[in-house]
């Protein structure tokens, strides 16, 4: 399975042809997420995988890196070029004081 460190993740996410999937629950995503990441909760990703861009690299992120590892493995099994952020958003993103976006309830 392809774990990507924070530096490599940042490099890849800026490239065209990369799709970021945040697999945390909607409330966690709304609190803080990586800009341009799409929120698809972990229990819905595989059933929604037909809607994911098969021609793009899929970068999966969760809270701690464990759930995203499992999801990335499942996506790879379905033919996607999928990797995940080591340490998730907590240890792999926020720990490096990288910016997060927030969703506002309307």
PDB file of N, CA and C in Angstrom:
ATOM      1  N   UNK A   1       0.856  -1.189   0.000  1.00  0.00           N
ATOM      2  CA  UNK A   1       0.000   0.000   0.000  1.00  0.00           C
ATOM      3  C   UNK A   1       0.883   1.227   0.000  1.00  0.00           C
ATOM      4  N   UNK A   2       0.440   2.241  -0.697  1.00  0.00           N
ATOM      5  CA  UNK A   2       1.240   3.437  -0.844  1.00  0.00           C
ATOM      6  C   UNK A   2       0.866   4.502   0.179  1.00  0.00           C
ATOM      7  N   UNK A   3       1.689   4.594   1.211  1.00  0.00           N
ATOM      8  CA  UNK A   3       1.559   5.675   2.184  1.00  0.00           C
ATOM      9  C   UNK A   3       2.391   6.838   1.654  1.00  0.00           C
ATOM     10  N   UNK A   4       1.836   8.032   1.749  1.00  0.00           N
ATOM     11  CA  UNK A   4       2.542   9.217   1.261  1.00  0.00           C
ATOM     12  C   UNK A   4       2.790  10.139   2.434  1.00  0.00           C
ATOM     13  N   UNK A   5       4.040  10.583   2.575  1.00  0.00           N
ATOM     14  CA  UNK A   5       4.338  11.528   3.652  1.00  0.00           C
ATOM     15  C   UNK A   5       3.780  12.903   3.286  1.00  0.00           C
ATOM     16  N   UNK A   6       3.798  13.789   4.232  1.00  0.00           N
ATOM     17  CA  UNK A   6       3.169  15.099   4.061  1.00  0.00           C
ATOM     18  C   UNK A   6       3.776  15.892   2.905  1.00  0.00           C
ATOM     19  N   UNK A   7       5.076  15.886   2.800  1.00  0.00           N
ATOM     20  CA  UNK A   7       5.745  16.637   1.735  1.00  0.00           C
ATOM     21  C   UNK A   7       5.316  16.128   0.354  1.00  0.00           C
ATOM     22  N   UNK A   8       5.314  14.817   0.180  1.00  0.00           N
ATOM     23  CA  UNK A   8       4.911  14.230  -1.099  1.00  0.00           C
ATOM     24  C   UNK A   8       3.425  14.468  -1.366  1.00  0.00           C
ATOM     25  N   UNK A   9       2.591  14.358  -0.331  1.00  0.00           N
ATOM     26  CA  UNK A   9       1.164  14.602  -0.466  1.00  0.00           C
ATOM     27  C   UNK A   9       0.917  16.028  -0.978  1.00  0.00           C
ATOM     28  N   UNK A  10       1.603  17.007  -0.376  1.00  0.00           N
ATOM     29  CA  UNK A  10       1.452  18.409  -0.795  1.00  0.00           C
ATOM     30  C   UNK A  10       1.867  18.594  -2.249  1.00  0.00           C
ATOM     31  N   UNK A  11       2.940  17.944  -2.623  1.00  0.00           N
ATOM     32  CA  UNK A  11       3.428  18.028  -4.006  1.00  0.00           C
ATOM     33  C   UNK A  11       2.401  17.444  -4.983  1.00  0.00           C
ATOM     34  N   UNK A  12       1.886  16.262  -4.643  1.00  0.00           N
ATOM     35  CA  UNK A  12       0.922  15.594  -5.525  1.00  0.00           C
ATOM     36  C   UNK A  12      -0.400  16.335  -5.614  1.00  0.00           C
ATOM     37  N   UNK A  13      -0.863  16.890  -4.495  1.00  0.00           N
ATOM     38  CA  UNK A  13      -2.178  17.530  -4.508  1.00  0.00           C
ATOM     39  C   UNK A  13      -2.215  18.788  -5.370  1.00  0.00           C
ATOM     40  N   UNK A  14      -1.058  19.343  -5.663  1.00  0.00           N
ATOM     41  CA  UNK A  14      -0.980  20.541  -6.512  1.00  0.00           C
ATOM     42  C   UNK A  14      -0.937  20.195  -7.994  1.00  0.00           C
ATOM     43  N   UNK A  15      -0.749  18.920  -8.297  1.00  0.00           N
ATOM     44  CA  UNK A  15      -0.656  18.501  -9.688  1.00  0.00           C
ATOM     45  C   UNK A  15      -2.041  18.285 -10.288  1.00  0.00           C
ATOM     46  N   UNK A  16      -2.148  18.580 -11.557  1.00  0.00           N
ATOM     47  CA  UNK A  16      -3.386  18.303 -12.264  1.00  0.00           C
ATOM     48  C   UNK A  16      -3.572  16.786 -12.336  1.00  0.00           C
ATOM     49  N   UNK A  17      -4.785  16.329 -12.260  1.00  0.00           N
ATOM     50  CA  UNK A  17      -5.050  14.903 -12.328  1.00  0.00           C
ATOM     51  C   UNK A  17      -4.994  14.222 -10.975  1.00  0.00           C
ATOM     52  N   UNK A  18      -5.190  15.005  -9.909  1.00  0.00           N
ATOM     53  CA  UNK A  18      -5.204  14.459  -8.550  1.00  0.00           C
ATOM     54  C   UNK A  18      -6.548  14.778  -7.912  1.00  0.00           C
ATOM     55  N   UNK A  19      -7.116  13.802  -7.245  1.00  0.00           N
ATOM     56  CA  UNK A  19      -8.427  13.924  -6.624  1.00  0.00           C
ATOM     57  C   UNK A  19      -8.272  13.539  -5.154  1.00  0.00           C
ATOM     58  N   UNK A  20      -8.607  14.461  -4.239  1.00  0.00           N
ATOM     59  CA  UNK A  20      -8.455  14.212  -2.813  1.00  0.00           C
ATOM     60  C   UNK A  20      -9.803  13.842  -2.212  1.00  0.00           C
ATOM     61  N   UNK A  21      -9.822  12.723  -1.494  1.00  0.00           N
ATOM     62  CA  UNK A  21     -11.040  12.245  -0.834  1.00  0.00           C
ATOM     63  C   UNK A  21     -10.795  12.219   0.673  1.00  0.00           C
ATOM     64  N   UNK A  22     -11.611  12.964   1.404  1.00  0.00           N
ATOM     65  CA  UNK A  22     -11.576  12.973   2.865  1.00  0.00           C
ATOM     66  C   UNK A  22     -12.675  12.031   3.325  1.00  0.00           C
ATOM     67  N   UNK A  23     -12.294  10.942   3.981  1.00  0.00           N
ATOM     68  CA  UNK A  23     -13.262   9.895   4.320  1.00  0.00           C
ATOM     69  C   UNK A  23     -13.805  10.002   5.748  1.00  0.00           C
ATOM     70  N   UNK A  24     -13.581  11.144   6.401  1.00  0.00           N
ATOM     71  CA  UNK A  24     -14.127  11.338   7.744  1.00  0.00           C
ATOM     72  C   UNK A  24     -15.612  11.690   7.657  1.00  0.00           C
ATOM     73  N   UNK A  25     -16.272  11.669   8.804  1.00  0.00           N
ATOM     74  CA  UNK A  25     -17.682  12.034   8.864  1.00  0.00           C
ATOM     75  C   UNK A  25     -17.848  13.519   8.529  1.00  0.00           C
ATOM     76  N   UNK A  26     -19.028  13.895   8.075  1.00  0.00           N
ATOM     77  CA  UNK A  26     -19.309  15.265   7.628  1.00  0.00           C
ATOM     78  C   UNK A  26     -18.978  16.313   8.684  1.00  0.00           C
ATOM     79  N   UNK A  27     -19.251  16.014   9.952  1.00  0.00           N
ATOM     80  CA  UNK A  27     -18.990  16.984  11.017  1.00  0.00           C
ATOM     81  C   UNK A  27     -17.492  17.242  11.172  1.00  0.00           C
ATOM     82  N   UNK A  28     -16.694  16.185  11.073  1.00  0.00           N
ATOM     83  CA  UNK A  28     -15.241  16.329  11.179  1.00  0.00           C
ATOM     84  C   UNK A  28     -14.700  17.106   9.980  1.00  0.00           C
ATOM     85  N   UNK A  29     -15.211  16.784   8.817  1.00  0.00           N
ATOM     86  CA  UNK A  29     -14.811  17.481   7.592  1.00  0.00           C
ATOM     87  C   UNK A  29     -15.148  18.961   7.694  1.00  0.00           C
ATOM     88  N   UNK A  30     -16.344  19.282   8.179  1.00  0.00           N
ATOM     89  CA  UNK A  30     -16.778  20.676   8.297  1.00  0.00           C
ATOM     90  C   UNK A  30     -15.893  21.456   9.260  1.00  0.00           C
ATOM     91  N   UNK A  31     -15.415  20.785  10.292  1.00  0.00           N
ATOM     92  CA  UNK A  31     -14.569  21.442  11.290  1.00  0.00           C
ATOM     93  C   UNK A  31     -13.240  21.883  10.689  1.00  0.00           C
ATOM     94  N   UNK A  32     -12.605  21.028   9.922  1.00  0.00           N
ATOM     95  CA  UNK A  32     -11.325  21.357   9.290  1.00  0.00           C
ATOM     96  C   UNK A  32     -10.994  20.297   8.247  1.00  0.00           C
ATOM     97  N   UNK A  33     -10.697  20.740   7.038  1.00  0.00           N
ATOM     98  CA  UNK A  33     -10.328  19.816   5.976  1.00  0.00           C
ATOM     99  C   UNK A  33      -9.298  20.452   5.048  1.00  0.00           C
ATOM    100  N   UNK A  34      -8.693  19.624   4.242  1.00  0.00           N
ATOM    101  CA  UNK A  34      -7.729  20.090   3.253  1.00  0.00           C
ATOM    102  C   UNK A  34      -8.503  20.740   2.119  1.00  0.00           C
ATOM    103  N   UNK A  35      -8.076  21.924   1.730  1.00  0.00           N
ATOM    104  CA  UNK A  35      -8.758  22.658   0.661  1.00  0.00           C
ATOM    105  C   UNK A  35      -8.869  21.781  -0.590  1.00  0.00           C
ATOM    106  N   UNK A  36     -10.010  21.826  -1.207  1.00  0.00           N
ATOM    107  CA  UNK A  36     -10.337  21.089  -2.435  1.00  0.00           C
ATOM    108  C   UNK A  36     -10.532  19.590  -2.227  1.00  0.00           C
ATOM    109  N   UNK A  37     -10.543  19.129  -0.985  1.00  0.00           N
ATOM    110  CA  UNK A  37     -10.837  17.715  -0.728  1.00  0.00           C
ATOM    111  C   UNK A  37     -12.346  17.498  -0.775  1.00  0.00           C
ATOM    112  N   UNK A  38     -12.748  16.381  -1.343  1.00  0.00           N
ATOM    113  CA  UNK A  38     -14.155  16.013  -1.398  1.00  0.00           C
ATOM    114  C   UNK A  38     -14.454  15.095  -0.226  1.00  0.00           C
ATOM    115  N   UNK A  39     -15.550  15.346   0.446  1.00  0.00           N
ATOM    116  CA  UNK A  39     -15.931  14.529   1.591  1.00  0.00           C
ATOM    117  C   UNK A  39     -16.853  13.409   1.156  1.00  0.00           C
ATOM    118  N   UNK A  40     -16.356  12.185   1.304  1.00  0.00           N
ATOM    119  CA  UNK A  40     -17.172  10.991   1.097  1.00  0.00           C
ATOM    120  C   UNK A  40     -16.884  10.105   2.305  1.00  0.00           C
ATOM    121  N   UNK A  41     -17.810  10.015   3.260  1.00  0.00           N
ATOM    122  CA  UNK A  41     -17.565   9.201   4.459  1.00  0.00           C
ATOM    123  C   UNK A  41     -17.115   7.775   4.111  1.00  0.00           C
ATOM    124  N   UNK A  42     -16.254   7.233   4.954  1.00  0.00           N
ATOM    125  CA  UNK A  42     -15.631   5.932   4.682  1.00  0.00           C
ATOM    126  C   UNK A  42     -16.627   4.824   4.352  1.00  0.00           C
ATOM    127  N   UNK A  43     -17.788   4.834   4.981  1.00  0.00           N
ATOM    128  CA  UNK A  43     -18.755   3.770   4.721  1.00  0.00           C
ATOM    129  C   UNK A  43     -19.492   3.939   3.393  1.00  0.00           C
ATOM    130  N   UNK A  44     -19.205   5.033   2.674  1.00  0.00           N
ATOM    131  CA  UNK A  44     -19.858   5.269   1.383  1.00  0.00           C
ATOM    132  C   UNK A  44     -18.897   5.246   0.199  1.00  0.00           C
ATOM    133  N   UNK A  45     -17.599   5.304   0.456  1.00  0.00           N
ATOM    134  CA  UNK A  45     -16.617   5.452  -0.625  1.00  0.00           C
ATOM    135  C   UNK A  45     -16.689   4.323  -1.641  1.00  0.00           C
ATOM    136  N   UNK A  46     -16.661   3.102  -1.185  1.00  0.00           N
ATOM    137  CA  UNK A  46     -16.621   1.985  -2.129  1.00  0.00           C
ATOM    138  C   UNK A  46     -17.899   1.911  -2.960  1.00  0.00           C
ATOM    139  N   UNK A  47     -19.057   2.120  -2.326  1.00  0.00           N
ATOM    140  CA  UNK A  47     -20.306   2.079  -3.107  1.00  0.00           C
ATOM    141  C   UNK A  47     -20.412   3.255  -4.070  1.00  0.00           C
ATOM    142  N   UNK A  48     -19.683   4.341  -3.810  1.00  0.00           N
ATOM    143  CA  UNK A  48     -19.677   5.518  -4.694  1.00  0.00           C
ATOM    144  C   UNK A  48     -18.473   5.520  -5.638  1.00  0.00           C
ATOM    145  N   UNK A  49     -17.683   4.470  -5.605  1.00  0.00           N
ATOM    146  CA  UNK A  49     -16.425   4.486  -6.358  1.00  0.00           C
ATOM    147  C   UNK A  49     -16.612   4.629  -7.869  1.00  0.00           C
ATOM    148  N   UNK A  50     -17.756   4.235  -8.391  1.00  0.00           N
ATOM    149  CA  UNK A  50     -18.000   4.411  -9.825  1.00  0.00           C
ATOM    150  C   UNK A  50     -18.038   5.887 -10.209  1.00  0.00           C
ATOM    151  N   UNK A  51     -18.273   6.758  -9.239  1.00  0.00           N
ATOM    152  CA  UNK A  51     -18.319   8.196  -9.498  1.00  0.00           C
ATOM    153  C   UNK A  51     -16.953   8.866  -9.353  1.00  0.00           C
ATOM    154  N   UNK A  52     -15.954   8.128  -8.881  1.00  0.00           N
ATOM    155  CA  UNK A  52     -14.607   8.690  -8.734  1.00  0.00           C
ATOM    156  C   UNK A  52     -13.895   8.682 -10.085  1.00  0.00           C
ATOM    157  N   UNK A  53     -13.029   9.658 -10.315  1.00  0.00           N
ATOM    158  CA  UNK A  53     -12.318   9.719 -11.602  1.00  0.00           C
ATOM    159  C   UNK A  53     -11.235   8.631 -11.697  1.00  0.00           C
ATOM    160  N   UNK A  54     -11.476   7.638 -12.498  1.00  0.00           N
ATOM    161  CA  UNK A  54     -10.562   6.496 -12.615  1.00  0.00           C
ATOM    162  C   UNK A  54      -9.216   6.906 -13.230  1.00  0.00           C
ATOM    163  N   UNK A  55      -9.211   7.977 -14.025  1.00  0.00           N
ATOM    164  CA  UNK A  55      -7.991   8.397 -14.704  1.00  0.00           C
ATOM    165  C   UNK A  55      -7.104   9.297 -13.831  1.00  0.00           C
ATOM    166  N   UNK A  56      -7.574   9.659 -12.656  1.00  0.00           N
ATOM    167  CA  UNK A  56      -6.803  10.533 -11.781  1.00  0.00           C
ATOM    168  C   UNK A  56      -6.208   9.762 -10.607  1.00  0.00           C
ATOM    169  N   UNK A  57      -5.167  10.327 -10.015  1.00  0.00           N
ATOM    170  CA  UNK A  57      -4.587   9.762  -8.806  1.00  0.00           C
ATOM    171  C   UNK A  57      -5.506  10.139  -7.649  1.00  0.00           C
ATOM    172  N   UNK A  58      -5.891   9.170  -6.846  1.00  0.00           N
ATOM    173  CA  UNK A  58      -6.771   9.400  -5.708  1.00  0.00           C
ATOM    174  C   UNK A  58      -5.911   9.464  -4.446  1.00  0.00           C
ATOM    175  N   UNK A  59      -6.011  10.575  -3.724  1.00  0.00           N
ATOM    176  CA  UNK A  59      -5.328  10.744  -2.446  1.00  0.00           C
ATOM    177  C   UNK A  59      -6.388  10.685  -1.357  1.00  0.00           C
ATOM    178  N   UNK A  60      -6.256   9.739  -0.448  1.00  0.00           N
ATOM    179  CA  UNK A  60      -7.250   9.518   0.594  1.00  0.00           C
ATOM    180  C   UNK A  60      -6.710  10.026   1.925  1.00  0.00           C
ATOM    181  N   UNK A  61      -7.564  10.734   2.662  1.00  0.00           N
ATOM    182  CA  UNK A  61      -7.173  11.249   3.974  1.00  0.00           C
ATOM    183  C   UNK A  61      -8.283  10.974   4.978  1.00  0.00           C
ATOM    184  N   UNK A  62      -7.872  10.676   6.213  1.00  0.00           N
ATOM    185  CA  UNK A  62      -8.818  10.481   7.317  1.00  0.00           C
ATOM    186  C   UNK A  62      -8.230  11.185   8.539  1.00  0.00           C
ATOM    187  N   UNK A  63      -8.705  10.868   9.706  1.00  0.00           N
ATOM    188  CA  UNK A  63      -8.221  11.512  10.916  1.00  0.00           C
ATOM    189  C   UNK A  63      -6.819  11.089  11.321  1.00  0.00           C
ATOM    190  N   UNK A  64      -6.548   9.770  11.289  1.00  0.00           N
ATOM    191  CA  UNK A  64      -5.268   9.274  11.790  1.00  0.00           C
ATOM    192  C   UNK A  64      -4.464   8.439  10.798  1.00  0.00           C
ATOM    193  N   UNK A  65      -4.971   8.236   9.605  1.00  0.00           N
ATOM    194  CA  UNK A  65      -4.255   7.473   8.582  1.00  0.00           C
ATOM    195  C   UNK A  65      -4.654   6.011   8.500  1.00  0.00           C
ATOM    196  N   UNK A  66      -5.369   5.508   9.491  1.00  0.00           N
ATOM    197  CA  UNK A  66      -5.741   4.090   9.490  1.00  0.00           C
ATOM    198  C   UNK A  66      -6.913   3.788   8.556  1.00  0.00           C
ATOM    199  N   UNK A  67      -7.979   4.549   8.666  1.00  0.00           N
ATOM    200  CA  UNK A  67      -9.140   4.324   7.799  1.00  0.00           C
ATOM    201  C   UNK A  67      -8.784   4.612   6.345  1.00  0.00           C
ATOM    202  N   UNK A  68      -8.028   5.682   6.118  1.00  0.00           N
ATOM    203  CA  UNK A  68      -7.649   6.020   4.738  1.00  0.00           C
ATOM    204  C   UNK A  68      -6.771   4.938   4.125  1.00  0.00           C
ATOM    205  N   UNK A  69      -5.957   4.278   4.933  1.00  0.00           N
ATOM    206  CA  UNK A  69      -5.134   3.163   4.430  1.00  0.00           C
ATOM    207  C   UNK A  69      -6.041   2.051   3.913  1.00  0.00           C
ATOM    208  N   UNK A  70      -7.044   1.690   4.694  1.00  0.00           N
ATOM    209  CA  UNK A  70      -7.984   0.640   4.306  1.00  0.00           C
ATOM    210  C   UNK A  70      -8.738   1.020   3.036  1.00  0.00           C
ATOM    211  N   UNK A  71      -9.217   2.254   2.988  1.00  0.00           N
ATOM    212  CA  UNK A  71      -9.972   2.718   1.807  1.00  0.00           C
ATOM    213  C   UNK A  71      -9.076   2.731   0.573  1.00  0.00           C
ATOM    214  N   UNK A  72      -7.846   3.218   0.717  1.00  0.00           N
ATOM    215  CA  UNK A  72      -6.916   3.249  -0.423  1.00  0.00           C
ATOM    216  C   UNK A  72      -6.652   1.829  -0.936  1.00  0.00           C
ATOM    217  N   UNK A  73      -6.499   0.870  -0.023  1.00  0.00           N
ATOM    218  CA  UNK A  73      -6.298  -0.527  -0.425  1.00  0.00           C
ATOM    219  C   UNK A  73      -7.507  -1.038  -1.208  1.00  0.00           C
ATOM    220  N   UNK A  74      -8.701  -0.736  -0.726  1.00  0.00           N
ATOM    221  CA  UNK A  74      -9.919  -1.176  -1.413  1.00  0.00           C
ATOM    222  C   UNK A  74     -10.039  -0.529  -2.794  1.00  0.00           C
ATOM    223  N   UNK A  75      -9.701   0.752  -2.884  1.00  0.00           N
ATOM    224  CA  UNK A  75      -9.755   1.433  -4.177  1.00  0.00           C
ATOM    225  C   UNK A  75      -8.721   0.867  -5.139  1.00  0.00           C
ATOM    226  N   UNK A  76      -7.536   0.569  -4.640  1.00  0.00           N
ATOM    227  CA  UNK A  76      -6.513  -0.058  -5.487  1.00  0.00           C
ATOM    228  C   UNK A  76      -7.030  -1.383  -6.047  1.00  0.00           C
ATOM    229  N   UNK A  77      -7.730  -2.134  -5.201  1.00  0.00           N
ATOM    230  CA  UNK A  77      -8.306  -3.407  -5.629  1.00  0.00           C
ATOM    231  C   UNK A  77      -9.348  -3.243  -6.724  1.00  0.00           C
ATOM    232  N   UNK A  78      -9.937  -2.057  -6.816  1.00  0.00           N
ATOM    233  CA  UNK A  78     -10.924  -1.767  -7.854  1.00  0.00           C
ATOM    234  C   UNK A  78     -10.282  -1.082  -9.064  1.00  0.00           C
ATOM    235  N   UNK A  79      -8.943  -1.014  -9.084  1.00  0.00           N
ATOM    236  CA  UNK A  79      -8.234  -0.485 -10.244  1.00  0.00           C
ATOM    237  C   UNK A  79      -7.847   0.982 -10.176  1.00  0.00           C
ATOM    238  N   UNK A  80      -8.048   1.633  -9.043  1.00  0.00           N
ATOM    239  CA  UNK A  80      -7.677   3.037  -8.904  1.00  0.00           C
ATOM    240  C   UNK A  80      -6.209   3.175  -8.515  1.00  0.00           C
ATOM    241  N   UNK A  81      -5.621   4.288  -8.898  1.00  0.00           N
ATOM    242  CA  UNK A  81      -4.273   4.660  -8.456  1.00  0.00           C
ATOM    243  C   UNK A  81      -4.469   5.444  -7.162  1.00  0.00           C
ATOM    244  N   UNK A  82      -4.526   4.737  -6.042  1.00  0.00           N
ATOM    245  CA  UNK A  82      -4.878   5.356  -4.762  1.00  0.00           C
ATOM    246  C   UNK A  82      -3.731   5.266  -3.761  1.00  0.00           C
ATOM    247  N   UNK A  83      -3.550   6.344  -3.014  1.00  0.00           N
ATOM    248  CA  UNK A  83      -2.574   6.425  -1.931  1.00  0.00           C
ATOM    249  C   UNK A  83      -3.236   7.146  -0.771  1.00  0.00           C
ATOM    250  N   UNK A  84      -2.572   7.121   0.397  1.00  0.00           N
ATOM    251  CA  UNK A  84      -3.155   7.795   1.558  1.00  0.00           C
ATOM    252  C   UNK A  84      -2.093   8.601   2.301  1.00  0.00           C
ATOM    253  N   UNK A  85      -2.572   9.613   3.034  1.00  0.00           N
ATOM    254  CA  UNK A  85      -1.688  10.481   3.810  1.00  0.00           C
ATOM    255  C   UNK A  85      -1.303   9.796   5.110  1.00  0.00           C
ATOM    256  N   UNK A  86      -0.013   9.551   5.276  1.00  0.00           N
ATOM    257  CA  UNK A  86       0.510   8.985   6.521  1.00  0.00           C
ATOM    258  C   UNK A  86       0.150   9.877   7.699  1.00  0.00           C
ATOM    259  N   UNK A  87      -0.425   9.308   8.727  1.00  0.00           N
ATOM    260  CA  UNK A  87      -0.774  10.078   9.920  1.00  0.00           C
ATOM    261  C   UNK A  87      -2.085  10.821   9.830  1.00  0.00           C
ATOM    262  N   UNK A  88      -2.723  10.786   8.677  1.00  0.00           N
ATOM    263  CA  UNK A  88      -4.012  11.448   8.503  1.00  0.00           C
ATOM    264  C   UNK A  88      -3.935  12.953   8.691  1.00  0.00           C
ATOM    265  N   UNK A  89      -5.084  13.566   8.820  1.00  0.00           N
ATOM    266  CA  UNK A  89      -5.128  15.023   8.920  1.00  0.00           C
ATOM    267  C   UNK A  89      -4.526  15.519  10.246  1.00  0.00           C
ATOM    268  N   UNK A  90      -4.591  14.704  11.290  1.00  0.00           N
ATOM    269  CA  UNK A  90      -4.070  15.149  12.590  1.00  0.00           C
ATOM    270  C   UNK A  90      -2.546  15.162  12.633  1.00  0.00           C
ATOM    271  N   UNK A  91      -1.917  14.008  12.384  1.00  0.00           N
ATOM    272  CA  UNK A  91      -0.457  13.908  12.492  1.00  0.00           C
ATOM    273  C   UNK A  91       0.269  14.179  11.185  1.00  0.00           C
ATOM    274  N   UNK A  92      -0.440  14.053  10.065  1.00  0.00           N
ATOM    275  CA  UNK A  92       0.188  14.251   8.770  1.00  0.00           C
ATOM    276  C   UNK A  92      -0.085  15.612   8.164  1.00  0.00           C
ATOM    277  N   UNK A  93      -1.000  16.378   8.732  1.00  0.00           N
ATOM    278  CA  UNK A  93      -1.353  17.680   8.164  1.00  0.00           C
ATOM    279  C   UNK A  93      -1.295  18.784   9.218  1.00  0.00           C
ATOM    280  N   UNK A  94      -2.198  18.709  10.206  1.00  0.00           N
ATOM    281  CA  UNK A  94      -2.256  19.755  11.232  1.00  0.00           C
ATOM    282  C   UNK A  94      -0.970  19.843  12.048  1.00  0.00           C
ATOM    283  N   UNK A  95      -0.313  18.714  12.276  1.00  0.00           N
ATOM    284  CA  UNK A  95       0.926  18.712  13.064  1.00  0.00           C
ATOM    285  C   UNK A  95       2.010  19.553  12.401  1.00  0.00           C
ATOM    286  N   UNK A  96       1.910  19.735  11.076  1.00  0.00           N
ATOM    287  CA  UNK A  96       2.869  20.554  10.336  1.00  0.00           C
ATOM    288  C   UNK A  96       2.348  21.978  10.143  1.00  0.00           C
ATOM    289  N   UNK A  97       1.232  22.270  10.830  1.00  0.00           N
ATOM    290  CA  UNK A  97       0.610  23.592  10.788  1.00  0.00           C
ATOM    291  C   UNK A  97       0.243  24.026   9.361  1.00  0.00           C
ATOM    292  N   UNK A  98      -0.180  23.052   8.564  1.00  0.00           N
ATOM    293  CA  UNK A  98      -0.629  23.341   7.208  1.00  0.00           C
ATOM    294  C   UNK A  98      -2.061  23.864   7.266  1.00  0.00           C
ATOM    295  N   UNK A  99      -2.438  24.694   6.321  1.00  0.00           N
ATOM    296  CA  UNK A  99      -3.766  25.330   6.371  1.00  0.00           C
ATOM    297  C   UNK A  99      -4.908  24.350   6.145  1.00  0.00           C
ATOM    298  N   UNK A 100      -6.005  24.623   6.817  1.00  0.00           N
ATOM    299  CA  UNK A 100      -7.224  23.850   6.615  1.00  0.00           C
ATOM    300  C   UNK A 100      -8.353  24.798   6.251  1.00  0.00           C
ATOM    301  N   UNK A 101      -9.325  24.248   5.577  1.00  0.00           N
ATOM    302  CA  UNK A 101     -10.530  25.005   5.237  1.00  0.00           C
ATOM    303  C   UNK A 101     -11.619  24.570   6.207  1.00  0.00           C
ATOM    304  N   UNK A 102     -12.627  25.385   6.341  1.00  0.00           N
ATOM    305  CA  UNK A 102     -13.738  25.079   7.236  1.00  0.00           C
ATOM    306  C   UNK A 102     -15.039  25.284   6.484  1.00  0.00           C
ATOM    307  N   UNK A 103     -16.027  24.466   6.780  1.00  0.00           N
ATOM    308  CA  UNK A 103     -17.346  24.612   6.158  1.00  0.00           C
ATOM    309  C   UNK A 103     -18.255  25.317   7.151  1.00  0.00           C
ATOM    310  N   UNK A 104     -19.068  26.203   6.630  1.00  0.00           N
ATOM    311  CA  UNK A 104     -20.012  26.922   7.468  1.00  0.00           C
ATOM    312  C   UNK A 104     -21.407  26.336   7.292  1.00  0.00           C
ATOM    313  N   UNK A 105     -22.093  26.112   8.381  1.00  0.00           N
ATOM    314  CA  UNK A 105     -23.468  25.635   8.306  1.00  0.00           C
ATOM    315  C   UNK A 105     -24.354  26.813   7.887  1.00  0.00           C
ATOM    316  N   UNK A 106     -25.306  26.529   7.025  1.00  0.00           N
ATOM    317  CA  UNK A 106     -26.212  27.604   6.585  1.00  0.00           C
ATOM    318  C   UNK A 106     -27.605  27.339   7.054  1.00  0.00           C
TER     319      UNK A 106
END
